[in-house]
Amino acid sequence: KRQFCKLESQAKYKEFEMARDEELQKMAKSSNILMKALHYRNAVAATESMDNTGLHNMVDVPSGKDVIEIGAGLQLVQTGTVWCKSGPFRSYHQKLLGRAAVE
């Protein structure tokens, strides 16, 4: 489910990114100061829309090809890091043991 949301967000992000780039090109080509201001405002609005997709919050969500289904509703990411904790569960005393890959 999170991978699907990430794919949707990536598609929306690219759409807004293209709109922003088009507006910046129009702004650069225009000689009319009012049209430059309008295109700049549209580019800023597209940039704001890019930020509102929430894609920056999904950076840690792996892509669908990096996930293996290991049971009903249970998935495993193929690559990752292995940590060791000492003390209580919420303790911040962690030690990085290394990387792991599942094939």
C-alpha atoms as a PDB file:
ATOM      1  CA  LYS A   1       0.000   0.000   0.000  1.00  0.00           C
ATOM      2  CA  ARG A   2       2.777   2.450   0.881  1.00  0.00           C
ATOM      3  CA  GLN A   3       4.609   1.602  -2.348  1.00  0.00           C
ATOM      4  CA  PHE A   4       1.443   2.461  -4.324  1.00  0.00           C
ATOM      5  CA  CYS A   5       1.134   5.792  -2.487  1.00  0.00           C
ATOM      6  CA  LYS A   6       4.798   6.506  -3.234  1.00  0.00           C
ATOM      7  CA  LEU A   7       4.278   5.750  -6.951  1.00  0.00           C
ATOM      8  CA  GLU A   8       1.273   8.078  -7.051  1.00  0.00           C
ATOM      9  CA  SER A   9       3.235  10.810  -5.288  1.00  0.00           C
ATOM     10  CA  GLN A  10       6.162  10.386  -7.690  1.00  0.00           C
ATOM     11  CA  ALA A  11       3.831  10.736 -10.693  1.00  0.00           C
ATOM     12  CA  LYS A  12       2.220  13.890  -9.263  1.00  0.00           C
ATOM     13  CA  TYR A  13       5.651  15.289  -8.364  1.00  0.00           C
ATOM     14  CA  LYS A  14       6.902  14.806 -11.946  1.00  0.00           C
ATOM     15  CA  GLU A  15       3.741  16.438 -13.313  1.00  0.00           C
ATOM     16  CA  PHE A  16       4.208  19.518 -11.129  1.00  0.00           C
ATOM     17  CA  GLU A  17       7.933  19.573 -11.878  1.00  0.00           C
ATOM     18  CA  MET A  18       7.209  19.689 -15.630  1.00  0.00           C
ATOM     19  CA  ALA A  19       4.655  22.477 -15.093  1.00  0.00           C
ATOM     20  CA  ARG A  20       7.204  24.444 -13.066  1.00  0.00           C
ATOM     21  CA  ASP A  21       9.884  24.034 -15.729  1.00  0.00           C
ATOM     22  CA  GLU A  22       7.464  25.128 -18.480  1.00  0.00           C
ATOM     23  CA  GLU A  23       6.520  28.242 -16.522  1.00  0.00           C
ATOM     24  CA  LEU A  24      10.181  29.107 -15.932  1.00  0.00           C
ATOM     25  CA  GLN A  25      10.861  28.760 -19.663  1.00  0.00           C
ATOM     26  CA  LYS A  26       7.888  30.993 -20.462  1.00  0.00           C
ATOM     27  CA  MET A  27       9.143  33.533 -17.925  1.00  0.00           C
ATOM     28  CA  ALA A  28      12.614  33.553 -19.508  1.00  0.00           C
ATOM     29  CA  LYS A  29      11.187  34.042 -23.014  1.00  0.00           C
ATOM     30  CA  SER A  30       8.715  36.774 -22.126  1.00  0.00           C
ATOM     31  CA  SER A  31       9.646  40.418 -22.518  1.00  0.00           C
ATOM     32  CA  ASN A  32       6.543  41.697 -20.712  1.00  0.00           C
ATOM     33  CA  ILE A  33       7.269  42.309 -17.014  1.00  0.00           C
ATOM     34  CA  LEU A  34       3.681  41.462 -15.996  1.00  0.00           C
ATOM     35  CA  MET A  35       3.809  38.159 -17.886  1.00  0.00           C
ATOM     36  CA  LYS A  36       7.174  37.400 -16.280  1.00  0.00           C
ATOM     37  CA  ALA A  37       5.589  37.961 -12.871  1.00  0.00           C
ATOM     38  CA  LEU A  38       2.625  35.741 -13.768  1.00  0.00           C
ATOM     39  CA  HIS A  39       4.854  32.900 -14.997  1.00  0.00           C
ATOM     40  CA  TYR A  40       7.069  33.236 -11.921  1.00  0.00           C
ATOM     41  CA  ARG A  41       4.006  33.021  -9.674  1.00  0.00           C
ATOM     42  CA  ASN A  42       2.823  29.905 -11.554  1.00  0.00           C
ATOM     43  CA  ALA A  43       6.272  28.329 -11.167  1.00  0.00           C
ATOM     44  CA  VAL A  44       6.213  29.006  -7.428  1.00  0.00           C
ATOM     45  CA  ALA A  45       2.713  27.510  -7.170  1.00  0.00           C
ATOM     46  CA  ALA A  46       3.903  24.381  -9.011  1.00  0.00           C
ATOM     47  CA  THR A  47       6.896  24.127  -6.657  1.00  0.00           C
ATOM     48  CA  GLU A  48       4.554  24.380  -3.681  1.00  0.00           C
ATOM     49  CA  SER A  49       2.409  21.621  -5.197  1.00  0.00           C
ATOM     50  CA  MET A  50       5.559  19.485  -5.595  1.00  0.00           C
ATOM     51  CA  ASP A  51       6.218  19.891  -1.891  1.00  0.00           C
ATOM     52  CA  ASN A  52       2.596  19.097  -1.010  1.00  0.00           C
ATOM     53  CA  THR A  53       2.782  15.665  -2.687  1.00  0.00           C
ATOM     54  CA  GLY A  54       4.520  14.428   0.466  1.00  0.00           C
ATOM     55  CA  LEU A  55       7.150  12.570  -1.552  1.00  0.00           C
ATOM     56  CA  HIS A  56       9.894  13.827   0.781  1.00  0.00           C
ATOM     57  CA  ASN A  57       8.150  11.933   3.620  1.00  0.00           C
ATOM     58  CA  MET A  58       8.277   8.651   1.673  1.00  0.00           C
ATOM     59  CA  VAL A  59      12.020   8.522   1.163  1.00  0.00           C
ATOM     60  CA  ASP A  60      12.326   5.429   3.363  1.00  0.00           C
ATOM     61  CA  VAL A  61       9.530   3.525   1.588  1.00  0.00           C
ATOM     62  CA  PRO A  62      11.150   0.859  -0.597  1.00  0.00           C
ATOM     63  CA  SER A  63      10.016   0.300  -4.163  1.00  0.00           C
ATOM     64  CA  GLY A  64       7.859  -2.716  -4.958  1.00  0.00           C
ATOM     65  CA  LYS A  65      10.744  -4.530  -6.639  1.00  0.00           C
ATOM     66  CA  ASP A  66      12.793  -4.378  -3.404  1.00  0.00           C
ATOM     67  CA  VAL A  67      10.127  -6.138  -1.332  1.00  0.00           C
ATOM     68  CA  ILE A  68       9.501  -9.887  -1.013  1.00  0.00           C
ATOM     69  CA  GLU A  69       6.149 -11.324   0.112  1.00  0.00           C
ATOM     70  CA  ILE A  70       6.960 -13.876   2.848  1.00  0.00           C
ATOM     71  CA  GLY A  71       3.478 -14.546   4.151  1.00  0.00           C
ATOM     72  CA  ALA A  72      -0.086 -13.327   4.164  1.00  0.00           C
ATOM     73  CA  GLY A  73       0.258  -9.567   4.545  1.00  0.00           C
ATOM     74  CA  LEU A  74       3.905  -9.921   5.603  1.00  0.00           C
ATOM     75  CA  GLN A  75       6.656  -8.399   3.493  1.00  0.00           C
ATOM     76  CA  LEU A  76      10.435  -8.256   3.776  1.00  0.00           C
ATOM     77  CA  VAL A  77      12.741  -5.656   2.230  1.00  0.00           C
ATOM     78  CA  GLN A  78      15.576  -7.361   0.344  1.00  0.00           C
ATOM     79  CA  THR A  79      18.369  -5.092   1.573  1.00  0.00           C
ATOM     80  CA  GLY A  80      18.882  -3.296   4.822  1.00  0.00           C
ATOM     81  CA  THR A  81      21.009  -2.833   7.894  1.00  0.00           C
ATOM     82  CA  VAL A  82      21.324  -5.050  10.928  1.00  0.00           C
ATOM     83  CA  TRP A  83      21.398  -3.414  14.359  1.00  0.00           C
ATOM     84  CA  CYS A  84      22.002  -4.736  17.847  1.00  0.00           C
ATOM     85  CA  LYS A  85      20.335  -3.102  20.856  1.00  0.00           C
ATOM     86  CA  SER A  86      21.276  -3.478  24.462  1.00  0.00           C
ATOM     87  CA  GLY A  87      19.042  -2.562  27.349  1.00  0.00           C
ATOM     88  CA  PRO A  88      15.335  -1.723  27.244  1.00  0.00           C
ATOM     89  CA  PHE A  89      13.415  -1.780  23.975  1.00  0.00           C
ATOM     90  CA  ARG A  90      13.219   2.005  23.709  1.00  0.00           C
ATOM     91  CA  SER A  91      16.887   2.380  24.532  1.00  0.00           C
ATOM     92  CA  TYR A  92      19.029   4.371  22.125  1.00  0.00           C
ATOM     93  CA  HIS A  93      22.081   2.190  22.765  1.00  0.00           C
ATOM     94  CA  GLN A  94      22.443   0.662  19.320  1.00  0.00           C
ATOM     95  CA  LYS A  95      25.336  -0.861  17.453  1.00  0.00           C
ATOM     96  CA  LEU A  96      25.454  -1.240  13.693  1.00  0.00           C
ATOM     97  CA  LEU A  97      26.436  -4.811  12.837  1.00  0.00           C
ATOM     98  CA  GLY A  98      26.400  -4.426   9.069  1.00  0.00           C
ATOM     99  CA  ARG A  99      24.282  -4.760   5.941  1.00  0.00           C
ATOM    100  CA  ALA A 100      22.135  -7.694   4.925  1.00  0.00           C
ATOM    101  CA  ALA A 101      20.714  -8.802   1.572  1.00  0.00           C
ATOM    102  CA  VAL A 102      18.068 -11.429   0.840  1.00  0.00           C
ATOM    103  CA  GLU A 103      17.998 -13.079  -2.561  1.00  0.00           C
END
